[in-house]
């Protein structure tokens, strides 16, 4: 099916505690608690669906109320959900502590269930059929390294692009063997350093370092500083506009990836792709949720008016 995206990755529960005042390390801090469905792959799936694309999701799930919350969130966002459920296990979770300004202090990922999404799952008939029907694949680094490599080989065999979401500096190393097969990998600076083995001081230096590591196409976001998006022979850099409001940084990178992927699927240029990614991230940064329910083609088009043109590098 044209523009049919299959996401294979994390779909779990995000728990976020926000400190009310100045952070005091090693002490009890007053604050508030919030819980919602999340996961890099699941965030991207919901964003892509809200941008008008046909999206389905496959992920392991526990037989608990948290798993039911994830399924409900998929339905609300327009994602076709195909979980494989372990009735005697709990749904994975991610627990983060945020400062009052929304920046991350520390997080804990309870993701053991994802280890059961092994390469053999890809050989099941229902999953083979879903991959055969997809025009694009998306995965995240919540899955085991051998599964990511198997997905990359399956995408190559079918001649369809595979995009990846890095998740964290520790987990992005799971892409190492699959890097040459990836269509595009989305990273922040810490994740890019884990892949490249060294750090770039400027956004425009990242493409060379990551190409040397085996990644043909990718993107590196750098918080409020310039981001870079690159292909084999071209790169574009864009400095996002200054934020007027920051509610929560959770999910901003996933939104950036979603905007870029949607723009590419729609046939837009590399320069417009990074603008779409930036606009989607801005919408999420202003939302208290990891995926902004108000994200749509219309709201993204409105936000694009605030996003500067990208600089095209030779």
C-alpha atoms as a PDB file:
ATOM      1  CA  UNK A   1       0.000   0.000   0.000  1.00  0.00           C
ATOM      2  CA  UNK A   2       1.332   3.451  -0.901  1.00  0.00           C
ATOM      3  CA  UNK A   3       2.563   5.456   2.110  1.00  0.00           C
ATOM      4  CA  UNK A   4       1.727   2.625   4.529  1.00  0.00           C
ATOM      5  CA  UNK A   5       4.106   2.803   7.504  1.00  0.00           C
ATOM      6  CA  UNK A   6       4.805  -0.149   9.789  1.00  0.00           C
ATOM      7  CA  UNK A   7       6.428   0.717  13.127  1.00  0.00           C
ATOM      8  CA  UNK A   8       8.259  -2.014  15.031  1.00  0.00           C
ATOM      9  CA  UNK A   9       9.407  -0.810  18.423  1.00  0.00           C
ATOM     10  CA  UNK A  10       8.590   0.530  21.838  1.00  0.00           C
ATOM     11  CA  UNK A  11       5.042   1.220  23.023  1.00  0.00           C
ATOM     12  CA  UNK A  12       4.876   1.477  26.782  1.00  0.00           C
ATOM     13  CA  UNK A  13       4.031   3.723  29.730  1.00  0.00           C
ATOM     14  CA  UNK A  14       5.894   6.979  30.383  1.00  0.00           C
ATOM     15  CA  UNK A  15       5.875   8.266  33.952  1.00  0.00           C
ATOM     16  CA  UNK A  16       7.220  11.766  34.542  1.00  0.00           C
ATOM     17  CA  UNK A  17       7.745  13.560  37.814  1.00  0.00           C
ATOM     18  CA  UNK A  18       8.295  17.322  37.608  1.00  0.00           C
ATOM     19  CA  UNK A  19      10.117  19.128  40.407  1.00  0.00           C
ATOM     20  CA  UNK A  20       8.193  22.207  41.496  1.00  0.00           C
ATOM     21  CA  UNK A  21      11.097  24.493  42.410  1.00  0.00           C
ATOM     22  CA  UNK A  22      14.879  24.491  42.294  1.00  0.00           C
ATOM     23  CA  UNK A  23      16.305  20.958  42.103  1.00  0.00           C
ATOM     24  CA  UNK A  24      18.083  19.778  45.246  1.00  0.00           C
ATOM     25  CA  UNK A  25      20.186  16.667  44.583  1.00  0.00           C
ATOM     26  CA  UNK A  26      20.129  13.892  47.181  1.00  0.00           C
ATOM     27  CA  UNK A  27      16.991  15.233  48.855  1.00  0.00           C
ATOM     28  CA  UNK A  28      13.208  15.025  48.638  1.00  0.00           C
ATOM     29  CA  UNK A  29      11.886  17.579  46.161  1.00  0.00           C
ATOM     30  CA  UNK A  30       8.246  18.740  46.044  1.00  0.00           C
ATOM     31  CA  UNK A  31       6.599  18.216  42.678  1.00  0.00           C
ATOM     32  CA  UNK A  32       3.866  16.484  40.686  1.00  0.00           C
ATOM     33  CA  UNK A  33       3.455  13.178  38.867  1.00  0.00           C
ATOM     34  CA  UNK A  34       2.120  12.454  35.368  1.00  0.00           C
ATOM     35  CA  UNK A  35       1.623   9.238  33.389  1.00  0.00           C
ATOM     36  CA  UNK A  36       0.864   8.610  29.689  1.00  0.00           C
ATOM     37  CA  UNK A  37       1.566   6.036  26.970  1.00  0.00           C
ATOM     38  CA  UNK A  38       4.899   6.573  25.228  1.00  0.00           C
ATOM     39  CA  UNK A  39       7.923   4.972  23.611  1.00  0.00           C
ATOM     40  CA  UNK A  40      10.024   6.280  20.725  1.00  0.00           C
ATOM     41  CA  UNK A  41       8.379   4.119  18.087  1.00  0.00           C
ATOM     42  CA  UNK A  42       4.901   4.670  19.485  1.00  0.00           C
ATOM     43  CA  UNK A  43       5.369   8.442  19.682  1.00  0.00           C
ATOM     44  CA  UNK A  44       6.482   8.487  16.052  1.00  0.00           C
ATOM     45  CA  UNK A  45       3.561   6.264  15.019  1.00  0.00           C
ATOM     46  CA  UNK A  46       0.997   8.571  16.621  1.00  0.00           C
ATOM     47  CA  UNK A  47       2.609  11.698  15.185  1.00  0.00           C
ATOM     48  CA  UNK A  48       2.717  10.226  11.677  1.00  0.00           C
ATOM     49  CA  UNK A  49      -0.931   9.181  11.912  1.00  0.00           C
ATOM     50  CA  UNK A  50      -1.922  12.684  13.022  1.00  0.00           C
ATOM     51  CA  UNK A  51      -0.079  14.019   9.993  1.00  0.00           C
ATOM     52  CA  UNK A  52      -2.448  12.030   7.795  1.00  0.00           C
ATOM     53  CA  UNK A  53      -0.403   8.919   7.015  1.00  0.00           C
ATOM     54  CA  UNK A  54      -1.495   5.277   7.290  1.00  0.00           C
ATOM     55  CA  UNK A  55       0.363   3.780  10.258  1.00  0.00           C
ATOM     56  CA  UNK A  56       0.345   0.402  12.003  1.00  0.00           C
ATOM     57  CA  UNK A  57       2.316  -0.638  15.085  1.00  0.00           C
ATOM     58  CA  UNK A  58       3.749  -3.936  16.309  1.00  0.00           C
ATOM     59  CA  UNK A  59       5.204  -4.176  19.816  1.00  0.00           C
ATOM     60  CA  UNK A  60       5.248  -6.561  22.794  1.00  0.00           C
ATOM     61  CA  UNK A  61       2.772  -5.751  25.528  1.00  0.00           C
ATOM     62  CA  UNK A  62       1.996  -7.072  29.006  1.00  0.00           C
ATOM     63  CA  UNK A  63      -1.396  -8.416  30.027  1.00  0.00           C
ATOM     64  CA  UNK A  64      -2.104  -5.491  32.374  1.00  0.00           C
ATOM     65  CA  UNK A  65      -4.017  -2.213  32.516  1.00  0.00           C
ATOM     66  CA  UNK A  66      -0.938  -0.346  31.259  1.00  0.00           C
ATOM     67  CA  UNK A  67      -1.055  -2.419  28.092  1.00  0.00           C
ATOM     68  CA  UNK A  68      -4.719  -1.523  27.671  1.00  0.00           C
ATOM     69  CA  UNK A  69      -3.859   2.184  28.038  1.00  0.00           C
ATOM     70  CA  UNK A  70      -1.346   1.880  25.196  1.00  0.00           C
ATOM     71  CA  UNK A  71      -3.937   0.196  22.958  1.00  0.00           C
ATOM     72  CA  UNK A  72      -6.489   2.923  23.715  1.00  0.00           C
ATOM     73  CA  UNK A  73      -3.963   5.645  22.893  1.00  0.00           C
ATOM     74  CA  UNK A  74      -3.188   3.971  19.563  1.00  0.00           C
ATOM     75  CA  UNK A  75      -6.872   3.917  18.650  1.00  0.00           C
ATOM     76  CA  UNK A  76      -7.340   7.567  19.610  1.00  0.00           C
ATOM     77  CA  UNK A  77      -4.431   8.640  17.410  1.00  0.00           C
ATOM     78  CA  UNK A  78      -5.546   6.574  14.409  1.00  0.00           C
ATOM     79  CA  UNK A  79      -2.772   3.964  14.633  1.00  0.00           C
ATOM     80  CA  UNK A  80      -3.673   0.371  13.768  1.00  0.00           C
ATOM     81  CA  UNK A  81      -2.335  -1.584  16.740  1.00  0.00           C
ATOM     82  CA  UNK A  82      -1.022  -5.150  16.402  1.00  0.00           C
ATOM     83  CA  UNK A  83       0.545  -6.050  19.781  1.00  0.00           C
ATOM     84  CA  UNK A  84       1.713  -9.491  20.768  1.00  0.00           C
ATOM     85  CA  UNK A  85       0.660  -9.827  24.382  1.00  0.00           C
ATOM     86  CA  UNK A  86       2.335 -11.742  27.207  1.00  0.00           C
ATOM     87  CA  UNK A  87      -0.456 -12.214  29.738  1.00  0.00           C
ATOM     88  CA  UNK A  88       1.923 -13.070  32.589  1.00  0.00           C
ATOM     89  CA  UNK A  89       4.250 -10.091  32.035  1.00  0.00           C
ATOM     90  CA  UNK A  90       4.027  -6.371  32.716  1.00  0.00           C
ATOM     91  CA  UNK A  91       4.082  -3.695  30.034  1.00  0.00           C
ATOM     92  CA  UNK A  92       7.459  -1.884  29.851  1.00  0.00           C
ATOM     93  CA  UNK A  93       7.758   1.565  31.388  1.00  0.00           C
ATOM     94  CA  UNK A  94       9.971   4.653  31.340  1.00  0.00           C
ATOM     95  CA  UNK A  95      10.159   6.809  34.466  1.00  0.00           C
ATOM     96  CA  UNK A  96      11.720  10.281  34.285  1.00  0.00           C
ATOM     97  CA  UNK A  97      12.352  13.091  36.761  1.00  0.00           C
ATOM     98  CA  UNK A  98      12.243  16.564  35.206  1.00  0.00           C
ATOM     99  CA  UNK A  99      13.369  19.921  36.487  1.00  0.00           C
ATOM    100  CA  UNK A 100      10.862  22.760  36.781  1.00  0.00           C
ATOM    101  CA  UNK A 101      11.877  24.022  33.300  1.00  0.00           C
ATOM    102  CA  UNK A 102      11.183  20.614  31.723  1.00  0.00           C
ATOM    103  CA  UNK A 103      14.771  19.421  31.334  1.00  0.00           C
ATOM    104  CA  UNK A 104      15.622  15.843  32.278  1.00  0.00           C
ATOM    105  CA  UNK A 105      17.362  15.108  35.600  1.00  0.00           C
ATOM    106  CA  UNK A 106      17.423  11.298  35.468  1.00  0.00           C
ATOM    107  CA  UNK A 107      15.348   8.459  34.037  1.00  0.00           C
ATOM    108  CA  UNK A 108      14.855   4.733  34.571  1.00  0.00           C
ATOM    109  CA  UNK A 109      13.821   2.367  31.771  1.00  0.00           C
ATOM    110  CA  UNK A 110      12.136  -0.939  32.738  1.00  0.00           C
ATOM    111  CA  UNK A 111      12.212  -2.531  29.280  1.00  0.00           C
ATOM    112  CA  UNK A 112      12.960  -6.215  29.842  1.00  0.00           C
ATOM    113  CA  UNK A 113       9.923  -7.346  27.841  1.00  0.00           C
ATOM    114  CA  UNK A 114      11.383  -5.944  24.609  1.00  0.00           C
ATOM    115  CA  UNK A 115      14.076  -8.617  24.746  1.00  0.00           C
ATOM    116  CA  UNK A 116      11.327 -11.105  23.826  1.00  0.00           C
ATOM    117  CA  UNK A 117      10.905  -9.343  20.461  1.00  0.00           C
ATOM    118  CA  UNK A 118      13.576 -11.509  18.882  1.00  0.00           C
ATOM    119  CA  UNK A 119      14.404 -12.012  15.180  1.00  0.00           C
ATOM    120  CA  UNK A 120      12.229 -15.143  15.052  1.00  0.00           C
ATOM    121  CA  UNK A 121       9.150 -12.923  15.470  1.00  0.00           C
ATOM    122  CA  UNK A 122       9.821 -11.532  11.996  1.00  0.00           C
ATOM    123  CA  UNK A 123       9.373 -15.006  10.526  1.00  0.00           C
ATOM    124  CA  UNK A 124       5.762 -15.344  11.704  1.00  0.00           C
ATOM    125  CA  UNK A 125       3.213 -15.191   8.911  1.00  0.00           C
ATOM    126  CA  UNK A 126       1.225 -12.231  10.220  1.00  0.00           C
ATOM    127  CA  UNK A 127       4.361 -10.097  10.625  1.00  0.00           C
ATOM    128  CA  UNK A 128       5.749 -11.100   7.226  1.00  0.00           C
ATOM    129  CA  UNK A 129       2.450 -10.096   5.666  1.00  0.00           C
ATOM    130  CA  UNK A 130       2.465  -6.724   7.405  1.00  0.00           C
ATOM    131  CA  UNK A 131       6.021  -6.026   6.254  1.00  0.00           C
ATOM    132  CA  UNK A 132       5.095  -7.068   2.711  1.00  0.00           C
ATOM    133  CA  UNK A 133       2.201  -4.565   2.750  1.00  0.00           C
ATOM    134  CA  UNK A 134       4.294  -1.664   4.082  1.00  0.00           C
ATOM    135  CA  UNK A 135       5.951   1.005   1.963  1.00  0.00           C
ATOM    136  CA  UNK A 136       8.105   2.232   4.875  1.00  0.00           C
ATOM    137  CA  UNK A 137       9.438   0.689   8.091  1.00  0.00           C
ATOM    138  CA  UNK A 138      10.302   2.486  11.328  1.00  0.00           C
ATOM    139  CA  UNK A 139      11.997   1.003  14.373  1.00  0.00           C
ATOM    140  CA  UNK A 140      13.611   2.183  17.586  1.00  0.00           C
ATOM    141  CA  UNK A 141      16.491   1.081  19.770  1.00  0.00           C
ATOM    142  CA  UNK A 142      14.231  -0.417  22.423  1.00  0.00           C
ATOM    143  CA  UNK A 143      14.534  -3.659  20.451  1.00  0.00           C
ATOM    144  CA  UNK A 144      17.535  -6.017  20.708  1.00  0.00           C
ATOM    145  CA  UNK A 145      20.459  -5.408  18.342  1.00  0.00           C
ATOM    146  CA  UNK A 146      19.941  -8.710  16.525  1.00  0.00           C
ATOM    147  CA  UNK A 147      16.291  -7.843  15.913  1.00  0.00           C
ATOM    148  CA  UNK A 148      17.162  -4.407  14.542  1.00  0.00           C
ATOM    149  CA  UNK A 149      19.661  -6.017  12.163  1.00  0.00           C
ATOM    150  CA  UNK A 150      17.059  -8.585  11.068  1.00  0.00           C
ATOM    151  CA  UNK A 151      14.519  -5.795  10.428  1.00  0.00           C
ATOM    152  CA  UNK A 152      17.135  -3.890   8.405  1.00  0.00           C
ATOM    153  CA  UNK A 153      17.850  -6.966   6.283  1.00  0.00           C
ATOM    154  CA  UNK A 154      14.119  -7.571   5.791  1.00  0.00           C
ATOM    155  CA  UNK A 155      13.678  -3.964   4.645  1.00  0.00           C
ATOM    156  CA  UNK A 156      16.597  -4.273   2.228  1.00  0.00           C
ATOM    157  CA  UNK A 157      15.206  -7.532   0.818  1.00  0.00           C
ATOM    158  CA  UNK A 158      11.848  -5.839   0.199  1.00  0.00           C
ATOM    159  CA  UNK A 159      13.405  -2.670  -1.213  1.00  0.00           C
ATOM    160  CA  UNK A 160      11.707  -0.389   1.308  1.00  0.00           C
ATOM    161  CA  UNK A 161      13.307   2.323   3.494  1.00  0.00           C
ATOM    162  CA  UNK A 162      13.900   1.767   7.205  1.00  0.00           C
ATOM    163  CA  UNK A 163      14.155   4.734   9.551  1.00  0.00           C
ATOM    164  CA  UNK A 164      15.402   4.418  13.123  1.00  0.00           C
ATOM    165  CA  UNK A 165      15.014   6.370  16.364  1.00  0.00           C
ATOM    166  CA  UNK A 166      18.054   6.256  18.646  1.00  0.00           C
ATOM    167  CA  UNK A 167      16.311   6.409  22.098  1.00  0.00           C
ATOM    168  CA  UNK A 168      19.484   6.884  24.202  1.00  0.00           C
ATOM    169  CA  UNK A 169      23.311   6.892  23.978  1.00  0.00           C
ATOM    170  CA  UNK A 170      23.397   3.413  25.510  1.00  0.00           C
ATOM    171  CA  UNK A 171      20.729   1.896  23.273  1.00  0.00           C
ATOM    172  CA  UNK A 172      21.775   3.497  19.976  1.00  0.00           C
ATOM    173  CA  UNK A 173      24.767   1.150  19.886  1.00  0.00           C
ATOM    174  CA  UNK A 174      22.270  -1.565  18.980  1.00  0.00           C
ATOM    175  CA  UNK A 175      22.166  -0.035  15.481  1.00  0.00           C
ATOM    176  CA  UNK A 176      25.890  -0.482  14.911  1.00  0.00           C
ATOM    177  CA  UNK A 177      25.719  -3.499  12.560  1.00  0.00           C
ATOM    178  CA  UNK A 178      22.611  -2.186  10.830  1.00  0.00           C
ATOM    179  CA  UNK A 179      23.961   1.321  10.095  1.00  0.00           C
ATOM    180  CA  UNK A 180      24.871   0.689   6.418  1.00  0.00           C
ATOM    181  CA  UNK A 181      21.353  -0.685   5.803  1.00  0.00           C
ATOM    182  CA  UNK A 182      19.460   2.186   7.442  1.00  0.00           C
ATOM    183  CA  UNK A 183      17.637   4.682   5.275  1.00  0.00           C
ATOM    184  CA  UNK A 184      17.884   7.293   8.040  1.00  0.00           C
ATOM    185  CA  UNK A 185      18.698   7.396  11.755  1.00  0.00           C
ATOM    186  CA  UNK A 186      17.526  10.169  14.098  1.00  0.00           C
ATOM    187  CA  UNK A 187      19.867  11.115  16.945  1.00  0.00           C
ATOM    188  CA  UNK A 188      20.625  13.824  19.459  1.00  0.00           C
ATOM    189  CA  UNK A 189      24.229  14.902  20.075  1.00  0.00           C
ATOM    190  CA  UNK A 190      24.941  12.411  22.858  1.00  0.00           C
ATOM    191  CA  UNK A 191      23.571   9.558  20.716  1.00  0.00           C
ATOM    192  CA  UNK A 192      25.515  10.767  17.669  1.00  0.00           C
ATOM    193  CA  UNK A 193      28.713  10.779  19.736  1.00  0.00           C
ATOM    194  CA  UNK A 194      28.021   7.189  20.822  1.00  0.00           C
ATOM    195  CA  UNK A 195      27.724   6.179  17.141  1.00  0.00           C
ATOM    196  CA  UNK A 196      30.640   8.227  15.775  1.00  0.00           C
ATOM    197  CA  UNK A 197      33.038   7.710  18.680  1.00  0.00           C
ATOM    198  CA  UNK A 198      33.830  11.435  18.754  1.00  0.00           C
ATOM    199  CA  UNK A 199      31.982  14.721  19.159  1.00  0.00           C
ATOM    200  CA  UNK A 200      31.460  17.479  16.605  1.00  0.00           C
ATOM    201  CA  UNK A 201      31.598  21.063  17.807  1.00  0.00           C
ATOM    202  CA  UNK A 202      29.440  22.328  14.924  1.00  0.00           C
ATOM    203  CA  UNK A 203      26.253  20.925  13.431  1.00  0.00           C
ATOM    204  CA  UNK A 204      27.796  20.862   9.956  1.00  0.00           C
ATOM    205  CA  UNK A 205      30.594  18.544  11.136  1.00  0.00           C
ATOM    206  CA  UNK A 206      28.272  15.689  12.149  1.00  0.00           C
ATOM    207  CA  UNK A 207      27.532  14.311   8.649  1.00  0.00           C
ATOM    208  CA  UNK A 208      31.201  13.538   7.973  1.00  0.00           C
ATOM    209  CA  UNK A 209      31.688  11.800  11.325  1.00  0.00           C
ATOM    210  CA  UNK A 210      28.524   9.719  10.989  1.00  0.00           C
ATOM    211  CA  UNK A 211      29.196   8.785   7.365  1.00  0.00           C
ATOM    212  CA  UNK A 212      32.599   7.509   8.489  1.00  0.00           C
ATOM    213  CA  UNK A 213      30.773   5.337  11.042  1.00  0.00           C
ATOM    214  CA  UNK A 214      28.700   3.791   8.223  1.00  0.00           C
ATOM    215  CA  UNK A 215      25.509   5.888   8.345  1.00  0.00           C
ATOM    216  CA  UNK A 216      24.547   7.175   4.896  1.00  0.00           C
ATOM    217  CA  UNK A 217      21.624   9.375   5.964  1.00  0.00           C
ATOM    218  CA  UNK A 218      20.732  10.810   9.332  1.00  0.00           C
ATOM    219  CA  UNK A 219      19.748  13.736  11.500  1.00  0.00           C
ATOM    220  CA  UNK A 220      21.253  15.221  14.642  1.00  0.00           C
ATOM    221  CA  UNK A 221      19.222  17.520  16.882  1.00  0.00           C
ATOM    222  CA  UNK A 222      21.000  19.773  19.382  1.00  0.00           C
ATOM    223  CA  UNK A 223      18.329  21.212  21.673  1.00  0.00           C
ATOM    224  CA  UNK A 224      17.868  24.911  20.923  1.00  0.00           C
ATOM    225  CA  UNK A 225      20.966  24.990  18.712  1.00  0.00           C
ATOM    226  CA  UNK A 226      21.265  24.202  15.015  1.00  0.00           C
ATOM    227  CA  UNK A 227      20.135  20.769  13.818  1.00  0.00           C
ATOM    228  CA  UNK A 228      21.528  18.980  10.775  1.00  0.00           C
ATOM    229  CA  UNK A 229      19.896  16.611   8.289  1.00  0.00           C
ATOM    230  CA  UNK A 230      22.027  14.823   5.706  1.00  0.00           C
ATOM    231  CA  UNK A 231      22.002  12.391   2.805  1.00  0.00           C
ATOM    232  CA  UNK A 232      24.950  10.780   1.011  1.00  0.00           C
ATOM    233  CA  UNK A 233      26.031  13.965  -0.763  1.00  0.00           C
ATOM    234  CA  UNK A 234      24.065  16.828   0.778  1.00  0.00           C
ATOM    235  CA  UNK A 235      23.362  18.321   4.194  1.00  0.00           C
ATOM    236  CA  UNK A 236      21.134  21.088   5.530  1.00  0.00           C
ATOM    237  CA  UNK A 237      21.420  22.997   8.807  1.00  0.00           C
ATOM    238  CA  UNK A 238      18.664  24.876  10.605  1.00  0.00           C
ATOM    239  CA  UNK A 239      18.663  26.847  13.846  1.00  0.00           C
ATOM    240  CA  UNK A 240      15.202  26.622  15.448  1.00  0.00           C
ATOM    241  CA  UNK A 241      13.461  29.818  16.537  1.00  0.00           C
ATOM    242  CA  UNK A 242      13.700  30.787  20.177  1.00  0.00           C
ATOM    243  CA  UNK A 243      11.052  29.089  22.284  1.00  0.00           C
ATOM    244  CA  UNK A 244       8.384  31.280  23.836  1.00  0.00           C
ATOM    245  CA  UNK A 245       7.149  28.375  25.941  1.00  0.00           C
ATOM    246  CA  UNK A 246       8.713  25.076  27.027  1.00  0.00           C
ATOM    247  CA  UNK A 247       6.313  22.653  28.675  1.00  0.00           C
ATOM    248  CA  UNK A 248       8.229  19.381  28.398  1.00  0.00           C
ATOM    249  CA  UNK A 249      11.140  18.100  26.317  1.00  0.00           C
ATOM    250  CA  UNK A 250       9.806  14.515  26.317  1.00  0.00           C
ATOM    251  CA  UNK A 251       8.983  13.362  22.785  1.00  0.00           C
ATOM    252  CA  UNK A 252      10.463  16.384  20.983  1.00  0.00           C
ATOM    253  CA  UNK A 253      13.054  14.266  19.174  1.00  0.00           C
ATOM    254  CA  UNK A 254      10.393  11.752  18.145  1.00  0.00           C
ATOM    255  CA  UNK A 255       8.282  14.601  16.775  1.00  0.00           C
ATOM    256  CA  UNK A 256      11.248  15.957  14.827  1.00  0.00           C
ATOM    257  CA  UNK A 257      11.760  12.509  13.304  1.00  0.00           C
ATOM    258  CA  UNK A 258       8.066  12.254  12.451  1.00  0.00           C
ATOM    259  CA  UNK A 259       8.016  15.617  10.713  1.00  0.00           C
ATOM    260  CA  UNK A 260      11.082  14.753   8.659  1.00  0.00           C
ATOM    261  CA  UNK A 261       9.700  11.327   7.691  1.00  0.00           C
ATOM    262  CA  UNK A 262       6.290  12.725   6.736  1.00  0.00           C
ATOM    263  CA  UNK A 263       7.873  15.398   4.562  1.00  0.00           C
ATOM    264  CA  UNK A 264      10.106  12.867   2.822  1.00  0.00           C
ATOM    265  CA  UNK A 265       7.197  10.502   2.167  1.00  0.00           C
ATOM    266  CA  UNK A 266       5.321  13.429   0.624  1.00  0.00           C
ATOM    267  CA  UNK A 267       8.258  14.092  -1.705  1.00  0.00           C
ATOM    268  CA  UNK A 268       9.595  17.341  -0.211  1.00  0.00           C
ATOM    269  CA  UNK A 269      13.214  18.496  -0.423  1.00  0.00           C
ATOM    270  CA  UNK A 270      15.852  17.948   2.272  1.00  0.00           C
ATOM    271  CA  UNK A 271      15.574  21.639   3.220  1.00  0.00           C
ATOM    272  CA  UNK A 272      11.811  21.356   3.690  1.00  0.00           C
ATOM    273  CA  UNK A 273      12.153  18.064   5.537  1.00  0.00           C
ATOM    274  CA  UNK A 274      14.218  19.671   8.311  1.00  0.00           C
ATOM    275  CA  UNK A 275      11.720  22.553   8.498  1.00  0.00           C
ATOM    276  CA  UNK A 276       8.847  20.069   8.950  1.00  0.00           C
ATOM    277  CA  UNK A 277      10.795  18.262  11.648  1.00  0.00           C
ATOM    278  CA  UNK A 278      11.540  21.514  13.451  1.00  0.00           C
ATOM    279  CA  UNK A 279       7.909  22.653  13.285  1.00  0.00           C
ATOM    280  CA  UNK A 280       6.654  19.329  14.653  1.00  0.00           C
ATOM    281  CA  UNK A 281       9.168  19.491  17.512  1.00  0.00           C
ATOM    282  CA  UNK A 282       8.095  23.040  18.390  1.00  0.00           C
ATOM    283  CA  UNK A 283       4.469  21.923  18.651  1.00  0.00           C
ATOM    284  CA  UNK A 284       5.453  19.100  21.015  1.00  0.00           C
ATOM    285  CA  UNK A 285       7.734  21.270  23.155  1.00  0.00           C
ATOM    286  CA  UNK A 286       4.768  23.549  23.855  1.00  0.00           C
ATOM    287  CA  UNK A 287       2.610  20.583  24.894  1.00  0.00           C
ATOM    288  CA  UNK A 288       2.591  18.846  28.301  1.00  0.00           C
ATOM    289  CA  UNK A 289       2.301  15.523  26.422  1.00  0.00           C
ATOM    290  CA  UNK A 290       4.970  13.521  24.597  1.00  0.00           C
ATOM    291  CA  UNK A 291       2.799  13.589  21.471  1.00  0.00           C
ATOM    292  CA  UNK A 292       0.698  16.703  21.017  1.00  0.00           C
ATOM    293  CA  UNK A 293      -2.937  15.788  20.224  1.00  0.00           C
ATOM    294  CA  UNK A 294      -3.251  19.041  18.275  1.00  0.00           C
ATOM    295  CA  UNK A 295      -0.525  18.026  15.798  1.00  0.00           C
ATOM    296  CA  UNK A 296      -1.959  17.939  12.272  1.00  0.00           C
ATOM    297  CA  UNK A 297      -1.070  19.070   8.765  1.00  0.00           C
ATOM    298  CA  UNK A 298      -2.887  22.333   9.515  1.00  0.00           C
ATOM    299  CA  UNK A 299      -1.143  23.121  12.812  1.00  0.00           C
ATOM    300  CA  UNK A 300       2.212  22.136  11.332  1.00  0.00           C
ATOM    301  CA  UNK A 301       1.658  24.445   8.350  1.00  0.00           C
ATOM    302  CA  UNK A 302       0.881  27.295  10.752  1.00  0.00           C
ATOM    303  CA  UNK A 303       4.023  26.617  12.791  1.00  0.00           C
ATOM    304  CA  UNK A 304       6.145  26.515   9.626  1.00  0.00           C
ATOM    305  CA  UNK A 305       5.611  30.257   9.266  1.00  0.00           C
ATOM    306  CA  UNK A 306       7.858  30.666  12.353  1.00  0.00           C
ATOM    307  CA  UNK A 307      10.592  28.314  11.128  1.00  0.00           C
ATOM    308  CA  UNK A 308      13.487  29.901   9.166  1.00  0.00           C
ATOM    309  CA  UNK A 309      14.823  28.545   5.905  1.00  0.00           C
ATOM    310  CA  UNK A 310      17.518  25.904   6.117  1.00  0.00           C
ATOM    311  CA  UNK A 311      21.096  26.510   5.097  1.00  0.00           C
ATOM    312  CA  UNK A 312      22.168  24.104   2.353  1.00  0.00           C
ATOM    313  CA  UNK A 313      25.716  22.816   2.739  1.00  0.00           C
ATOM    314  CA  UNK A 314      27.860  21.626  -0.138  1.00  0.00           C
END
